[in-house]
Amino acid sequence: MGWMHTFRSVEREKIEIIAGLLQQAGYRISRIRAIDCQFMVTARLEGQTQMEGEHDRIKGIVQHFAIEEWTMNEESS
């Protein structure tokens, strides 16, 4: 099991920043896509279950950069 996080913002720079931060933390990042005047990226932490405290850490990043939309879905392996 793993988690897929989806981030959306009208500002491409915000999406690029969060994608870069999560990639450095070991997440696999999708290509940034433009959908309905918003930019979207997904991030997956593969081969691991959600690490302790990871949700709160991502929530802090989302709040700091004022990302408009963040969703999280559990994926079955």
N, C-alpha and C. Protein backbone atom coordinates (compact mmCIF):
# COMPACT_ATOMS: atom_id res chain seq x y z
N MET A 1 0.83 -1.19 0.00
CA MET A 1 0.00 0.00 0.00
C MET A 1 0.87 1.24 0.00
N GLY A 2 0.40 2.22 -0.72
CA GLY A 2 1.10 3.50 -0.74
C GLY A 2 0.07 4.62 -0.82
N TRP A 3 0.56 5.82 -0.79
CA TRP A 3 -0.33 6.98 -0.85
C TRP A 3 0.00 7.81 -2.07
N MET A 4 -1.03 8.30 -2.72
CA MET A 4 -0.86 9.24 -3.82
C MET A 4 -1.41 10.58 -3.37
N HIS A 5 -0.60 11.59 -3.48
CA HIS A 5 -0.99 12.95 -3.14
C HIS A 5 -1.17 13.72 -4.44
N THR A 6 -2.24 14.50 -4.53
CA THR A 6 -2.48 15.33 -5.71
C THR A 6 -2.55 16.78 -5.23
N PHE A 7 -1.82 17.63 -5.93
CA PHE A 7 -1.77 19.05 -5.58
C PHE A 7 -2.21 19.86 -6.79
N ARG A 8 -3.03 20.89 -6.53
CA ARG A 8 -3.49 21.77 -7.61
C ARG A 8 -3.33 23.23 -7.16
N SER A 9 -2.94 24.06 -8.11
CA SER A 9 -2.81 25.49 -7.84
C SER A 9 -2.92 26.24 -9.15
N VAL A 10 -3.38 27.48 -9.08
CA VAL A 10 -3.41 28.31 -10.28
C VAL A 10 -2.00 28.84 -10.58
N GLU A 11 -1.10 28.72 -9.62
CA GLU A 11 0.27 29.21 -9.80
C GLU A 11 1.23 28.04 -10.04
N ARG A 12 1.78 27.97 -11.24
CA ARG A 12 2.70 26.89 -11.59
C ARG A 12 3.91 26.84 -10.66
N GLU A 13 4.43 28.01 -10.26
CA GLU A 13 5.61 28.06 -9.39
C GLU A 13 5.39 27.29 -8.09
N LYS A 14 4.21 27.43 -7.51
CA LYS A 14 3.91 26.72 -6.26
C LYS A 14 3.97 25.21 -6.47
N ILE A 15 3.41 24.76 -7.58
CA ILE A 15 3.40 23.32 -7.89
C ILE A 15 4.83 22.83 -8.13
N GLU A 16 5.63 23.64 -8.82
CA GLU A 16 7.03 23.26 -9.06
C GLU A 16 7.80 23.15 -7.75
N ILE A 17 7.56 24.06 -6.83
CA ILE A 17 8.26 24.05 -5.54
C ILE A 17 7.88 22.81 -4.73
N ILE A 18 6.59 22.54 -4.60
CA ILE A 18 6.17 21.39 -3.79
C ILE A 18 6.63 20.08 -4.44
N ALA A 19 6.62 20.02 -5.77
CA ALA A 19 7.10 18.83 -6.47
C ALA A 19 8.59 18.62 -6.18
N GLY A 20 9.37 19.68 -6.22
CA GLY A 20 10.80 19.58 -5.95
C GLY A 20 11.09 19.13 -4.53
N LEU A 21 10.37 19.69 -3.58
CA LEU A 21 10.57 19.32 -2.17
C LEU A 21 10.24 17.85 -1.94
N LEU A 22 9.13 17.40 -2.49
CA LEU A 22 8.73 16.00 -2.28
C LEU A 22 9.64 15.04 -3.04
N GLN A 23 10.13 15.45 -4.20
CA GLN A 23 11.06 14.61 -4.94
C GLN A 23 12.35 14.41 -4.12
N GLN A 24 12.82 15.46 -3.48
CA GLN A 24 14.01 15.36 -2.63
C GLN A 24 13.76 14.43 -1.44
N ALA A 25 12.50 14.33 -1.01
CA ALA A 25 12.14 13.47 0.12
C ALA A 25 11.87 12.03 -0.30
N GLY A 26 12.08 11.72 -1.60
CA GLY A 26 11.95 10.35 -2.06
C GLY A 26 10.65 10.00 -2.76
N TYR A 27 9.83 11.00 -3.04
CA TYR A 27 8.57 10.76 -3.75
C TYR A 27 8.81 10.69 -5.25
N ARG A 28 8.00 9.90 -5.93
CA ARG A 28 8.00 9.88 -7.38
C ARG A 28 6.97 10.92 -7.83
N ILE A 29 7.39 11.83 -8.67
CA ILE A 29 6.57 12.97 -9.05
C ILE A 29 6.12 12.83 -10.51
N SER A 30 4.85 13.12 -10.76
CA SER A 30 4.35 13.09 -12.14
C SER A 30 4.78 14.37 -12.87
N ARG A 31 4.54 14.38 -14.15
CA ARG A 31 4.72 15.62 -14.92
C ARG A 31 3.67 16.62 -14.45
N ILE A 32 4.02 17.89 -14.46
CA ILE A 32 3.05 18.93 -14.11
C ILE A 32 2.12 19.11 -15.31
N ARG A 33 0.82 19.06 -15.03
CA ARG A 33 -0.18 19.18 -16.09
C ARG A 33 -1.06 20.42 -15.84
N ALA A 34 -1.52 21.02 -16.91
CA ALA A 34 -2.45 22.14 -16.81
C ALA A 34 -3.86 21.62 -17.10
N ILE A 35 -4.75 21.78 -16.13
CA ILE A 35 -6.13 21.30 -16.28
C ILE A 35 -7.07 22.39 -15.76
N ASP A 36 -7.99 22.83 -16.60
CA ASP A 36 -8.98 23.84 -16.20
C ASP A 36 -8.36 25.04 -15.50
N CYS A 37 -7.37 25.65 -16.13
CA CYS A 37 -6.72 26.86 -15.61
C CYS A 37 -5.98 26.63 -14.29
N GLN A 38 -5.71 25.38 -13.94
CA GLN A 38 -4.93 25.05 -12.76
C GLN A 38 -3.79 24.14 -13.16
N PHE A 39 -2.74 24.16 -12.37
CA PHE A 39 -1.63 23.24 -12.58
C PHE A 39 -1.74 22.13 -11.55
N MET A 40 -1.43 20.91 -11.97
CA MET A 40 -1.61 19.74 -11.11
C MET A 40 -0.39 18.85 -11.18
N VAL A 41 -0.04 18.25 -10.04
CA VAL A 41 1.03 17.27 -9.99
C VAL A 41 0.64 16.20 -8.96
N THR A 42 1.09 14.98 -9.19
CA THR A 42 0.87 13.92 -8.19
C THR A 42 2.23 13.45 -7.67
N ALA A 43 2.20 12.98 -6.43
CA ALA A 43 3.41 12.48 -5.78
C ALA A 43 3.08 11.15 -5.10
N ARG A 44 3.98 10.17 -5.27
CA ARG A 44 3.79 8.85 -4.65
C ARG A 44 5.05 8.47 -3.90
N LEU A 45 4.84 7.94 -2.70
CA LEU A 45 5.96 7.39 -1.94
C LEU A 45 5.86 5.89 -2.12
N GLU A 46 6.68 5.36 -3.02
CA GLU A 46 6.52 3.97 -3.42
C GLU A 46 7.25 3.00 -2.49
N GLY A 47 6.66 1.81 -2.38
CA GLY A 47 7.29 0.73 -1.64
C GLY A 47 7.25 0.92 -0.14
N GLN A 48 6.54 1.90 0.33
CA GLN A 48 6.46 2.15 1.76
C GLN A 48 5.04 2.57 2.11
N THR A 49 4.65 2.29 3.33
CA THR A 49 3.41 2.86 3.80
C THR A 49 3.72 4.29 4.22
N GLN A 50 2.71 5.05 4.49
CA GLN A 50 2.91 6.44 4.89
C GLN A 50 3.80 6.49 6.13
N MET A 51 4.87 7.24 6.06
CA MET A 51 5.78 7.35 7.19
C MET A 51 5.14 8.17 8.30
N GLU A 52 5.49 7.83 9.52
CA GLU A 52 4.98 8.56 10.69
C GLU A 52 5.29 10.06 10.55
N GLY A 53 4.29 10.87 10.74
CA GLY A 53 4.48 12.31 10.68
C GLY A 53 4.50 12.90 9.28
N GLU A 54 4.44 12.03 8.27
CA GLU A 54 4.53 12.51 6.89
C GLU A 54 3.33 13.37 6.50
N HIS A 55 2.15 12.97 6.93
CA HIS A 55 0.93 13.73 6.62
C HIS A 55 1.04 15.14 7.17
N ASP A 56 1.49 15.26 8.42
CA ASP A 56 1.61 16.59 9.04
C ASP A 56 2.67 17.43 8.34
N ARG A 57 3.76 16.78 7.90
CA ARG A 57 4.82 17.50 7.21
C ARG A 57 4.32 18.06 5.87
N ILE A 58 3.58 17.22 5.12
CA ILE A 58 3.04 17.68 3.84
C ILE A 58 2.00 18.76 4.07
N LYS A 59 1.18 18.58 5.09
CA LYS A 59 0.16 19.59 5.42
C LYS A 59 0.83 20.94 5.69
N GLY A 60 1.96 20.92 6.40
CA GLY A 60 2.69 22.15 6.68
C GLY A 60 3.20 22.82 5.42
N ILE A 61 3.70 22.02 4.48
CA ILE A 61 4.19 22.56 3.20
C ILE A 61 3.03 23.16 2.42
N VAL A 62 1.91 22.44 2.38
CA VAL A 62 0.72 22.91 1.65
C VAL A 62 0.24 24.24 2.23
N GLN A 63 0.21 24.34 3.56
CA GLN A 63 -0.23 25.59 4.19
C GLN A 63 0.78 26.71 3.97
N HIS A 64 2.05 26.40 4.07
CA HIS A 64 3.09 27.42 3.90
C HIS A 64 3.04 28.05 2.51
N PHE A 65 2.87 27.22 1.48
CA PHE A 65 2.84 27.73 0.11
C PHE A 65 1.43 28.06 -0.37
N ALA A 66 0.43 27.93 0.50
CA ALA A 66 -0.97 28.24 0.17
C ALA A 66 -1.41 27.51 -1.10
N ILE A 67 -1.15 26.19 -1.12
CA ILE A 67 -1.61 25.35 -2.23
C ILE A 67 -3.14 25.28 -2.13
N GLU A 68 -3.82 25.57 -3.22
CA GLU A 68 -5.29 25.65 -3.18
C GLU A 68 -5.97 24.32 -2.92
N GLU A 69 -5.40 23.23 -3.45
CA GLU A 69 -6.07 21.94 -3.29
C GLU A 69 -5.05 20.83 -3.11
N TRP A 70 -5.29 20.00 -2.10
CA TRP A 70 -4.43 18.84 -1.83
C TRP A 70 -5.34 17.67 -1.47
N THR A 71 -5.23 16.60 -2.22
CA THR A 71 -5.98 15.38 -1.89
C THR A 71 -5.01 14.24 -1.72
N MET A 72 -5.43 13.25 -0.95
CA MET A 72 -4.58 12.11 -0.63
C MET A 72 -5.42 10.85 -0.78
N ASN A 73 -4.92 9.88 -1.55
CA ASN A 73 -5.64 8.63 -1.77
C ASN A 73 -4.73 7.46 -1.50
N GLU A 74 -5.26 6.45 -0.81
CA GLU A 74 -4.49 5.24 -0.56
C GLU A 74 -4.56 4.34 -1.79
N GLU A 75 -3.42 3.82 -2.20
CA GLU A 75 -3.36 2.94 -3.36
C GLU A 75 -3.01 1.53 -2.89
N SER A 76 -3.64 0.55 -3.50
CA SER A 76 -3.26 -0.82 -3.19
C SER A 76 -2.15 -1.24 -4.14
N SER A 77 -1.21 -2.03 -3.64
CA SER A 77 -0.06 -2.42 -4.45
C SER A 77 -0.44 -3.48 -5.45
